[in-house]
Amino acid sequence: MTDARAFCTGISFFIDMTSYPGLMVSVSGVRGRVGEALTPEVVSRFAAGFGHWALARDPSKRTIVLGRDSRVSGPMFHHAVIAALESVGAQIIDIGIVPTPTIQLAVEHHHAAGGLGITASHNPIEWNALKFIGSSGLFLDGDEAREMRAVVDSDFPRATWDRLGTIERDDAAIERHIAAILALPFIDVEGIRARHFRVALDCVRGAGGRFMPNLLDRLGCEVSSINMEVDGRFPRPPEPVAENLGELEALVRKSGAVVGFAVDPDVDRLALVSNEGKAIGEDYTLALAASVVLGHRDGPVVTNLSTSRIVDDVAERAGRTVVRAPVGEVNVATRMRSEKAAIGGEGNGGVILTEMHLGRDAPVGVALILQLLHQENRPLSAIVSDYPRYSIVKDKLDLPAAPLDSVYKSLRAAFPDATVDTQDGMRLSWRDRWVHVRPSGTEPIVRVIAEAPTQSDAQALIRAGREAVEKLSV
């Protein structure tokens, strides 16, 4: 079994996972393969522990918002979570199958003690997870997660028969989310509507099928779509990376769309296909969205250590700086708050707009990209061609049993001229390239990501990282 301490080296907080073999516990939540590490019993324990912890923090707040994506295992875990939350006296507000950012906004709207999302985001179909949301609408940070996990592992009290929790439905959460997007002051809704943009859409049979058509219709778009059934039977790997978007690329070409939009199952990540029918890489989503926002709002851009330096190029043109944070949405969100950032996000297609809420939000990204096409009045391919092109290569290796400190030491010695960042694993950077080695927060693997002006240069950095990890595995 993979040593939990080796897995957590470089992650922003450590949680002992030996009590739950195979379960991934990190800033990204609690996740595992259904029927193996992740069972209704495990989900119930974590949900009840979270509920007790959240309600105890502020006795004036008794509500917990609950939502989920469309995964096949979702209904089973939904029942388990409801029973668990009722058992600690929570007043549950169930908003059904919705995007994760909709859950976050609903926590804020209801002034709830917290929220639970039953979703494994971009993970394969056999996975599911719980995402824990605090009363601020943000995911739990390291200190909060440690406190919550201590409750999970304790003999916390349950409600007696006369103090059991209640449940009610809120079917307006999606409409409130859409209305908030359309009310953003730098989104020219009427101008976009007048363009009648032809767009292509791939919701990978996730929660986006309940949201995206409505938003695009309200923005006057003519939509050609695929994979809109909300049944969780993903027809392809659900992560919206370029190699998984061939069907959407073909749809863009066939329909003559000006842009193709692909979201992941819980709709917090957005990838783009250009009018030429080519996926431009999920790293460009944040950069292009930022180019709109920086024309209207002051402040830096905050992103994580594994995001393309195309964000730096966009910020530099606007006379702004880029602040780097550890990988993980909550790490970026909290740094955005402290830096008073205009916009932030991650290179996986996650856009976080301060003016909306501090969470990755693919629908917000869609609105910003349509605004960009409207105000630029030229093809997406032409807009992208204005910026330097980099080659980014992403590799992953099995997690070695030993801590990764030796890997970091080896890389530092091999590249003494690099700027070193150890906030999250190790990132070595130069003026026009970088390599980042870190343990994944969602899978038992090591991620090695590199970017350079050419594919061969990026591959060379990947090889250096791979060799250092493989030496540790021998």
Protein backbone atom coordinates (compact mmCIF):
# COMPACT_ATOMS: atom_id res chain seq x y z
CA MET A 1 0.00 0.00 0.00
CA THR A 2 1.24 3.49 -0.83
CA ASP A 3 2.60 5.23 2.25
CA ALA A 4 0.25 8.09 3.15
CA ARG A 5 3.10 10.31 4.31
CA ALA A 6 4.86 9.98 0.96
CA PHE A 7 1.65 10.87 -0.81
CA CYS A 8 1.15 14.00 1.25
CA THR A 9 4.68 15.36 0.94
CA GLY A 10 4.28 18.72 -0.78
CA ILE A 11 0.50 18.98 -0.23
CA SER A 12 -0.52 21.99 1.83
CA PHE A 13 -1.65 19.89 4.78
CA PHE A 14 -1.19 16.33 6.02
CA ILE A 15 -3.92 13.91 7.02
CA ASP A 16 -3.17 10.37 8.17
CA MET A 17 -5.08 8.09 5.80
CA THR A 18 -4.13 4.73 7.30
CA SER A 19 -7.65 4.40 8.78
CA TYR A 20 -9.12 4.45 5.27
CA PRO A 21 -6.82 2.49 2.89
CA GLY A 22 -7.06 3.67 -0.70
CA LEU A 23 -8.97 6.84 0.15
CA MET A 24 -7.56 10.13 -1.12
CA VAL A 25 -7.91 12.91 1.46
CA SER A 26 -6.62 16.37 0.58
CA VAL A 27 -7.59 19.98 -0.14
CA SER A 28 -9.64 18.49 -3.00
CA GLY A 29 -11.89 16.58 -0.59
CA VAL A 30 -12.30 12.88 0.14
CA ARG A 31 -12.40 10.61 -2.87
CA GLY A 32 -11.98 7.01 -3.88
CA ARG A 33 -13.15 4.23 -6.15
CA VAL A 34 -16.77 3.30 -5.55
CA GLY A 35 -17.16 -0.04 -3.80
CA GLU A 36 -13.48 -0.16 -2.88
CA ALA A 37 -12.19 2.68 -0.70
CA LEU A 38 -15.38 4.71 -1.07
CA THR A 39 -18.46 3.03 0.41
CA PRO A 40 -21.72 4.38 1.86
CA GLU A 41 -20.34 3.70 5.35
CA VAL A 42 -17.23 5.81 4.71
CA VAL A 43 -19.23 8.59 3.07
CA SER A 44 -21.72 8.60 5.94
CA ARG A 45 -18.94 8.88 8.52
CA PHE A 46 -17.29 11.83 6.80
CA ALA A 47 -20.61 13.58 6.07
CA ALA A 48 -21.80 13.26 9.68
CA GLY A 49 -18.42 14.40 11.01
CA PHE A 50 -18.42 17.38 8.67
CA GLY A 51 -21.99 18.26 9.64
CA HIS A 52 -21.23 18.15 13.35
CA TRP A 53 -18.06 20.21 12.87
CA ALA A 54 -19.79 22.83 10.69
CA LEU A 55 -22.78 23.26 13.03
CA ALA A 56 -20.59 23.48 16.12
CA ARG A 57 -18.56 26.34 14.68
CA ASP A 58 -21.54 28.70 14.70
CA PRO A 59 -24.58 27.52 16.68
CA SER A 60 -26.70 30.22 15.00
CA LYS A 61 -26.35 28.40 11.67
CA ARG A 62 -28.13 25.05 11.30
CA THR A 63 -28.29 24.58 7.52
CA ILE A 64 -26.05 22.50 5.23
CA VAL A 65 -26.43 22.82 1.45
CA LEU A 66 -26.21 19.55 -0.48
CA GLY A 67 -25.70 19.05 -4.21
CA ARG A 68 -24.16 16.49 -6.55
CA ASP A 69 -23.05 15.80 -10.08
CA SER A 70 -24.61 13.13 -12.32
CA ARG A 71 -22.42 10.15 -11.49
CA VAL A 72 -24.09 6.74 -11.44
CA SER A 73 -23.13 6.28 -7.79
CA GLY A 74 -24.50 9.71 -6.90
CA PRO A 75 -28.01 8.65 -5.79
CA MET A 76 -26.59 6.00 -3.44
CA PHE A 77 -24.23 8.43 -1.75
CA HIS A 78 -26.93 11.12 -1.76
CA HIS A 79 -29.10 8.92 0.46
CA ALA A 80 -26.16 8.16 2.75
CA VAL A 81 -25.25 11.84 3.13
CA ILE A 82 -28.83 12.91 3.88
CA ALA A 83 -29.14 10.28 6.62
CA ALA A 84 -25.75 11.27 8.04
CA LEU A 85 -26.56 14.97 8.15
CA GLU A 86 -29.99 14.32 9.68
CA SER A 87 -28.25 12.24 12.36
CA VAL A 88 -26.35 15.30 13.60
CA GLY A 89 -29.37 17.61 13.51
CA ALA A 90 -28.62 19.51 10.30
CA GLN A 91 -31.29 21.35 8.36
CA ILE A 92 -30.47 20.15 4.84
CA ILE A 93 -31.11 22.28 1.77
CA ASP A 94 -30.97 19.88 -1.18
CA ILE A 95 -30.34 21.60 -4.53
CA GLY A 96 -30.06 18.40 -6.58
CA ILE A 97 -27.82 17.85 -9.61
CA VAL A 98 -25.97 21.11 -10.10
CA PRO A 99 -22.48 22.44 -10.87
CA THR A 100 -20.12 22.62 -7.90
CA PRO A 101 -19.93 26.44 -8.13
CA THR A 102 -23.72 26.53 -7.82
CA ILE A 103 -23.38 24.72 -4.48
CA GLN A 104 -20.82 27.27 -3.31
CA LEU A 105 -23.08 30.15 -4.27
CA ALA A 106 -26.04 28.49 -2.55
CA VAL A 107 -24.03 28.24 0.69
CA GLU A 108 -23.49 32.00 0.51
CA HIS A 109 -27.12 32.70 -0.45
CA HIS A 110 -28.57 30.70 2.44
CA HIS A 111 -25.93 31.87 4.95
CA ALA A 112 -25.42 28.18 5.62
CA ALA A 113 -23.02 26.56 8.05
CA GLY A 114 -21.46 24.75 5.10
CA GLY A 115 -22.04 22.70 1.99
CA LEU A 116 -21.35 19.23 0.66
CA GLY A 117 -20.81 18.37 -2.99
CA ILE A 118 -21.00 14.71 -4.00
CA THR A 119 -18.68 14.79 -7.00
CA ALA A 120 -15.32 13.46 -8.12
CA SER A 121 -14.97 16.33 -10.59
CA HIS A 122 -12.84 15.15 -13.55
CA ASN A 123 -11.99 11.70 -12.17
CA PRO A 124 -13.01 8.58 -14.16
CA ILE A 125 -16.45 7.05 -13.88
CA GLU A 126 -15.50 4.53 -11.17
CA TRP A 127 -14.65 7.35 -8.71
CA ASN A 128 -16.79 9.54 -6.51
CA ALA A 129 -16.04 11.97 -3.71
CA LEU A 130 -17.20 14.46 -1.12
CA LYS A 131 -16.17 18.10 -1.41
CA PHE A 132 -16.40 20.07 1.82
CA ILE A 133 -17.44 23.73 1.67
CA GLY A 134 -17.18 26.11 4.61
CA SER A 135 -19.64 28.80 5.60
CA SER A 136 -17.74 31.31 3.43
CA GLY A 137 -18.55 29.31 0.30
CA LEU A 138 -14.88 28.30 -0.06
CA PHE A 139 -13.53 24.79 0.23
CA LEU A 140 -11.92 23.98 3.56
CA ASP A 141 -8.37 25.17 4.03
CA GLY A 142 -5.69 23.11 5.76
CA ASP A 143 -6.52 24.14 9.32
CA GLU A 144 -10.24 23.64 8.80
CA ALA A 145 -9.68 20.24 7.22
CA ARG A 146 -7.55 19.09 10.14
CA GLU A 147 -10.21 20.22 12.61
CA MET A 148 -12.95 18.50 10.63
CA ARG A 149 -10.99 15.26 10.31
CA ALA A 150 -10.38 15.22 14.06
CA VAL A 151 -14.15 15.27 14.53
CA VAL A 152 -14.61 12.47 11.98
CA ASP A 153 -12.20 10.30 13.97
CA SER A 154 -13.81 11.14 17.32
CA ASP A 155 -16.86 9.80 19.09
CA PHE A 156 -18.97 12.83 18.25
CA PRO A 157 -22.60 12.91 19.47
CA ARG A 158 -25.64 12.18 17.30
CA ALA A 159 -29.03 13.79 17.55
CA THR A 160 -31.79 12.16 19.58
CA TRP A 161 -35.16 11.39 18.03
CA ASP A 162 -36.56 14.82 18.87
CA ARG A 163 -33.58 16.74 17.42
CA LEU A 164 -33.07 14.98 14.11
CA GLY A 165 -32.38 17.12 11.09
CA THR A 166 -34.80 18.15 8.38
CA ILE A 167 -34.64 18.37 4.60
CA GLU A 168 -36.04 20.84 2.10
CA ARG A 169 -35.55 21.45 -1.62
CA ASP A 170 -34.21 24.56 -3.30
CA ASP A 171 -34.91 24.38 -7.02
CA ALA A 172 -33.89 27.98 -7.73
CA ALA A 173 -30.12 27.63 -7.21
CA ILE A 174 -29.28 27.30 -10.91
CA GLU A 175 -31.43 30.27 -11.86
CA ARG A 176 -29.76 32.44 -9.20
CA HIS A 177 -26.34 31.41 -10.52
CA ILE A 178 -27.24 32.28 -14.11
CA ALA A 179 -28.78 35.59 -13.05
CA ALA A 180 -25.60 36.51 -11.18
CA ILE A 181 -23.49 35.82 -14.28
CA LEU A 182 -25.75 37.92 -16.50
CA ALA A 183 -25.56 40.76 -13.97
CA LEU A 184 -21.76 41.05 -14.14
CA PRO A 185 -21.11 44.67 -15.18
CA PHE A 186 -18.46 43.91 -17.80
CA ILE A 187 -20.55 41.27 -19.57
CA ASP A 188 -22.42 43.08 -22.37
CA VAL A 189 -25.39 40.74 -22.38
CA GLU A 190 -27.38 42.61 -25.01
CA GLY A 191 -24.34 42.96 -27.27
CA ILE A 192 -23.58 39.25 -27.03
CA ARG A 193 -27.22 38.36 -27.68
CA ALA A 194 -27.23 40.49 -30.80
CA ARG A 195 -24.31 38.50 -32.22
CA HIS A 196 -26.22 35.18 -32.19
CA PHE A 197 -22.95 33.30 -31.78
CA ARG A 198 -22.99 29.74 -33.08
CA VAL A 199 -21.29 27.59 -30.44
CA ALA A 200 -20.63 23.89 -29.86
CA LEU A 201 -21.03 22.29 -26.45
CA ASP A 202 -19.90 19.05 -24.79
CA CYS A 203 -21.15 18.42 -21.24
CA VAL A 204 -19.78 14.84 -21.03
CA ARG A 205 -23.18 13.69 -19.64
CA GLY A 206 -22.48 15.57 -16.42
CA ALA A 207 -24.25 18.26 -14.42
CA GLY A 208 -23.59 20.79 -17.19
CA GLY A 209 -26.55 19.40 -19.08
CA ARG A 210 -28.78 20.98 -16.44
CA PHE A 211 -27.10 24.38 -16.69
CA MET A 212 -25.18 25.23 -19.84
CA PRO A 213 -28.00 25.16 -22.45
CA ASN A 214 -30.00 27.62 -20.33
CA LEU A 215 -27.07 30.02 -19.95
CA LEU A 216 -26.19 29.91 -23.64
CA ASP A 217 -29.81 30.41 -24.65
CA ARG A 218 -30.03 33.47 -22.39
CA LEU A 219 -26.93 34.81 -24.15
CA GLY A 220 -28.58 34.40 -27.57
CA CYS A 221 -26.33 31.59 -28.79
CA GLU A 222 -27.20 28.99 -31.41
CA VAL A 223 -26.00 25.75 -29.84
CA SER A 224 -24.92 22.45 -31.36
CA SER A 225 -24.39 19.97 -28.56
CA ILE A 226 -23.22 16.47 -27.69
CA ASN A 227 -23.22 14.36 -24.52
CA MET A 228 -26.02 16.31 -22.86
CA GLU A 229 -27.75 13.41 -21.08
CA VAL A 230 -27.46 13.91 -17.31
CA ASP A 231 -26.81 10.26 -16.44
CA GLY A 232 -23.11 10.15 -15.53
CA ARG A 233 -22.27 7.53 -18.15
CA PHE A 234 -19.28 9.40 -19.51
CA PRO A 235 -18.70 8.59 -23.20
CA ARG A 236 -15.01 9.53 -22.94
CA PRO A 237 -12.48 10.30 -20.20
CA PRO A 238 -14.22 13.18 -18.40
CA GLU A 239 -11.21 15.46 -17.97
CA PRO A 240 -11.55 18.24 -20.59
CA VAL A 241 -8.01 18.06 -21.92
CA ALA A 242 -7.23 18.36 -25.62
CA GLU A 243 -6.76 14.64 -26.28
CA ASN A 244 -10.31 13.94 -25.03
CA LEU A 245 -12.08 16.53 -27.19
CA GLY A 246 -11.92 14.99 -30.67
CA GLU A 247 -15.71 14.68 -30.93
CA LEU A 248 -16.16 18.33 -29.98
CA GLU A 249 -13.50 19.40 -32.48
CA ALA A 250 -15.41 17.56 -35.21
CA LEU A 251 -18.68 19.19 -34.10
CA VAL A 252 -17.14 22.67 -34.31
CA ARG A 253 -15.98 22.01 -37.86
CA LYS A 254 -19.28 20.47 -38.93
CA SER A 255 -21.50 23.16 -37.38
CA GLY A 256 -19.35 26.17 -38.25
CA ALA A 257 -19.23 27.21 -34.58
CA VAL A 258 -17.10 30.17 -33.55
CA VAL A 259 -16.05 28.30 -30.39
CA GLY A 260 -16.46 24.94 -28.73
CA PHE A 261 -17.03 24.67 -24.98
CA ALA A 262 -16.23 21.53 -22.97
CA VAL A 263 -16.87 21.22 -19.25
CA ASP A 264 -16.10 18.49 -16.76
CA PRO A 265 -18.83 16.56 -14.87
CA ASP A 266 -19.21 19.10 -12.05
CA VAL A 267 -18.78 22.14 -14.32
CA ASP A 268 -15.93 23.92 -12.60
CA ARG A 269 -13.48 23.47 -15.48
CA LEU A 270 -13.78 24.82 -19.02
CA ALA A 271 -11.79 23.95 -22.13
CA LEU A 272 -12.02 25.66 -25.51
CA VAL A 273 -11.98 24.54 -29.13
CA SER A 274 -11.21 27.30 -31.63
CA ASN A 275 -13.22 28.14 -34.73
CA GLU A 276 -10.68 26.05 -36.68
CA GLY A 277 -11.84 22.94 -34.82
CA LYS A 278 -8.69 22.60 -32.70
CA ALA A 279 -8.56 22.35 -28.94
CA ILE A 280 -6.32 25.21 -27.87
CA GLY A 281 -5.39 23.71 -24.49
CA GLU A 282 -7.16 24.17 -21.18
CA ASP A 283 -4.35 26.45 -19.95
CA TYR A 284 -5.59 29.19 -22.28
CA THR A 285 -9.04 29.43 -20.67
CA LEU A 286 -7.86 31.45 -17.67
CA ALA A 287 -5.50 33.59 -19.78
CA LEU A 288 -8.23 34.61 -22.24
CA ALA A 289 -10.76 35.24 -19.48
CA ALA A 290 -8.20 37.37 -17.65
CA SER A 291 -7.63 39.48 -20.77
CA VAL A 292 -11.26 40.62 -20.47
CA VAL A 293 -11.36 41.23 -16.72
CA LEU A 294 -8.04 43.09 -16.50
CA GLY A 295 -9.48 45.74 -18.79
CA HIS A 296 -12.08 46.54 -16.14
CA ARG A 297 -10.67 45.70 -12.71
CA ASP A 298 -7.47 46.46 -10.79
CA GLY A 299 -5.38 43.87 -9.02
CA PRO A 300 -3.07 40.98 -9.90
CA VAL A 301 -3.85 37.55 -11.33
CA VAL A 302 -3.43 34.60 -8.94
CA THR A 303 -2.85 31.14 -10.32
CA ASN A 304 -1.18 27.91 -9.27
CA LEU A 305 2.35 26.68 -9.84
CA SER A 306 1.32 24.32 -12.65
CA THR A 307 -0.36 26.92 -14.85
CA SER A 308 1.05 28.01 -18.21
CA ARG A 309 3.08 31.19 -18.38
CA ILE A 310 0.64 32.42 -21.04
CA VAL A 311 -1.11 33.93 -18.01
CA ASP A 312 2.06 35.93 -17.31
CA ASP A 313 2.05 37.21 -20.91
CA VAL A 314 -1.57 38.36 -20.64
CA ALA A 315 -0.95 40.03 -17.29
CA GLU A 316 2.19 41.75 -18.55
CA ARG A 317 0.29 43.29 -21.47
CA ALA A 318 -2.19 44.73 -18.97
CA GLY A 319 0.59 46.01 -16.73
CA ARG A 320 -0.24 43.50 -13.96
CA THR A 321 1.61 40.86 -12.01
CA VAL A 322 0.99 37.15 -11.49
CA VAL A 323 1.06 35.61 -8.02
CA ARG A 324 1.62 31.84 -7.80
CA ALA A 325 -0.02 29.61 -5.19
CA PRO A 326 0.05 25.86 -4.47
CA VAL A 327 -2.19 23.64 -6.61
CA GLY A 328 -5.71 23.31 -5.21
CA GLU A 329 -8.67 25.61 -5.64
CA VAL A 330 -8.79 26.73 -2.01
CA ASN A 331 -5.09 27.68 -2.12
CA VAL A 332 -5.68 29.93 -5.12
CA ALA A 333 -8.93 31.34 -3.70
CA THR A 334 -7.46 32.30 -0.33
CA ARG A 335 -4.43 33.88 -2.01
CA MET A 336 -6.78 35.82 -4.29
CA ARG A 337 -8.55 37.16 -1.24
CA SER A 338 -5.33 38.24 0.47
CA GLU A 339 -3.85 39.75 -2.72
CA LYS A 340 -7.12 41.49 -3.72
CA ALA A 341 -6.84 39.83 -7.13
CA ALA A 342 -9.02 40.82 -10.07
CA ILE A 343 -9.19 37.25 -11.32
CA GLY A 344 -7.50 33.96 -10.70
CA GLY A 345 -7.78 30.27 -11.32
CA GLU A 346 -5.90 27.23 -12.47
CA GLY A 347 -4.42 26.04 -15.75
CA ASN A 348 -6.82 23.09 -15.82
CA GLY A 349 -9.55 25.37 -17.17
CA GLY A 350 -10.64 26.73 -13.80
CA VAL A 351 -11.63 30.42 -13.81
CA ILE A 352 -12.22 32.20 -10.49
CA LEU A 353 -13.74 35.66 -10.73
CA THR A 354 -13.46 37.67 -7.52
CA GLU A 355 -16.56 39.69 -8.38
CA MET A 356 -18.63 36.49 -8.61
CA HIS A 357 -17.33 34.22 -5.84
CA LEU A 358 -14.02 32.63 -4.89
CA GLY A 359 -14.51 29.31 -6.65
CA ARG A 360 -13.76 27.83 -10.07
CA ASP A 361 -16.75 28.48 -12.29
CA ALA A 362 -16.94 27.20 -15.87
CA PRO A 363 -20.18 29.11 -16.69
CA VAL A 364 -18.46 32.36 -15.71
CA GLY A 365 -15.62 31.36 -18.03
CA VAL A 366 -18.11 30.81 -20.87
CA ALA A 367 -19.58 34.30 -20.41
CA LEU A 368 -16.11 35.89 -20.37
CA ILE A 369 -15.04 34.07 -23.55
CA LEU A 370 -18.21 35.17 -25.34
CA GLN A 371 -17.54 38.72 -24.15
CA LEU A 372 -14.01 38.44 -25.55
CA LEU A 373 -15.32 37.31 -28.95
CA HIS A 374 -17.87 40.12 -28.91
CA GLN A 375 -15.46 42.93 -28.08
CA GLU A 376 -12.61 41.67 -30.26
CA ASN A 377 -14.93 40.96 -33.20
CA ARG A 378 -12.53 38.46 -34.73
CA PRO A 379 -12.06 34.68 -34.65
CA LEU A 380 -10.80 32.95 -31.52
CA SER A 381 -7.91 31.50 -33.52
CA ALA A 382 -6.77 35.02 -34.40
CA ILE A 383 -6.98 36.16 -30.78
CA VAL A 384 -4.91 33.18 -29.62
CA SER A 385 -2.31 33.80 -32.33
CA ASP A 386 -1.56 37.21 -30.79
CA TYR A 387 0.14 35.51 -27.87
CA PRO A 388 3.28 33.36 -27.70
CA ARG A 389 2.68 29.64 -28.03
CA TYR A 390 4.26 27.28 -25.56
CA SER A 391 4.40 23.53 -25.45
CA ILE A 392 3.17 22.13 -22.18
CA VAL A 393 3.67 18.44 -21.42
CA LYS A 394 1.95 16.66 -18.54
CA ASP A 395 3.19 13.32 -17.27
CA LYS A 396 2.29 11.17 -14.30
CA LEU A 397 4.09 8.38 -12.49
CA ASP A 398 3.18 5.91 -9.79
CA LEU A 399 3.80 7.36 -6.36
CA PRO A 400 6.99 5.87 -4.84
CA ALA A 401 6.90 4.45 -1.32
CA ALA A 402 9.57 6.87 -0.08
CA PRO A 403 9.11 10.63 0.43
CA LEU A 404 9.86 12.85 -2.56
CA ASP A 405 12.52 14.93 -0.82
CA SER A 406 15.29 13.06 -2.65
CA VAL A 407 13.65 13.87 -5.98
CA TYR A 408 13.61 17.57 -5.16
CA LYS A 409 17.24 17.51 -4.04
CA SER A 410 18.30 15.77 -7.26
CA LEU A 411 16.47 18.29 -9.45
CA ARG A 412 17.87 21.25 -7.58
CA ALA A 413 21.38 19.89 -8.14
CA ALA A 414 20.74 19.22 -11.83
CA PHE A 415 19.46 22.77 -12.48
CA PRO A 416 21.41 25.14 -10.20
CA ASP A 417 20.51 28.17 -12.37
CA ALA A 418 16.74 27.76 -11.91
CA THR A 419 14.48 29.79 -9.64
CA VAL A 420 13.08 27.38 -7.06
CA ASP A 421 9.61 27.41 -5.52
CA THR A 422 8.80 24.81 -2.85
CA GLN A 423 5.26 25.88 -1.89
CA ASP A 424 3.90 22.69 -3.45
CA GLY A 425 6.40 20.01 -4.37
CA MET A 426 9.11 21.73 -6.39
CA ARG A 427 8.86 24.12 -9.31
CA LEU A 428 11.99 25.10 -11.22
CA SER A 429 11.58 28.07 -13.52
CA TRP A 430 13.49 30.15 -16.04
CA ARG A 431 12.49 33.13 -18.16
CA ASP A 432 10.70 31.06 -20.81
CA ARG A 433 10.23 27.57 -19.31
CA TRP A 434 9.51 25.67 -16.11
CA VAL A 435 9.01 22.18 -14.64
CA HIS A 436 6.85 21.28 -11.65
CA VAL A 437 7.03 17.97 -9.75
CA ARG A 438 4.41 17.31 -7.09
CA PRO A 439 2.27 14.55 -5.60
CA SER A 440 -1.29 14.65 -6.88
CA GLY A 441 -4.03 15.70 -4.49
CA THR A 442 -6.63 13.50 -6.19
CA GLU A 443 -4.81 10.31 -7.27
CA PRO A 444 -1.92 8.17 -5.88
CA ILE A 445 0.51 9.50 -8.49
CA VAL A 446 3.28 12.03 -8.98
CA ARG A 447 2.57 14.72 -11.54
CA VAL A 448 5.42 16.07 -13.65
CA ILE A 449 4.44 19.10 -15.74
CA ALA A 450 6.77 21.13 -17.91
CA GLU A 451 6.42 24.02 -20.34
CA ALA A 452 8.87 25.46 -22.84
CA PRO A 453 8.91 27.21 -26.22
CA THR A 454 9.20 23.86 -28.03
CA GLN A 455 7.89 20.36 -27.47
CA SER A 456 11.41 18.93 -27.36
CA ASP A 457 12.51 21.40 -24.69
CA ALA A 458 9.47 20.59 -22.56
CA GLN A 459 10.03 16.86 -23.02
CA ALA A 460 13.64 17.26 -21.87
CA LEU A 461 12.42 18.80 -18.61
CA ILE A 462 9.85 16.02 -18.23
CA ARG A 463 12.57 13.40 -18.68
CA ALA A 464 14.64 15.02 -15.94
CA GLY A 465 11.68 14.90 -13.56
CA ARG A 466 10.75 11.36 -14.55
CA GLU A 467 14.29 10.07 -14.07
CA ALA A 468 14.50 11.61 -10.61
CA VAL A 469 11.22 9.94 -9.55
CA GLU A 470 12.08 6.59 -11.12
CA LYS A 471 15.45 6.48 -9.32
CA LEU A 472 13.54 6.80 -6.04
CA SER A 473 11.27 3.91 -7.05
CA VAL A 474 14.13 1.45 -7.65
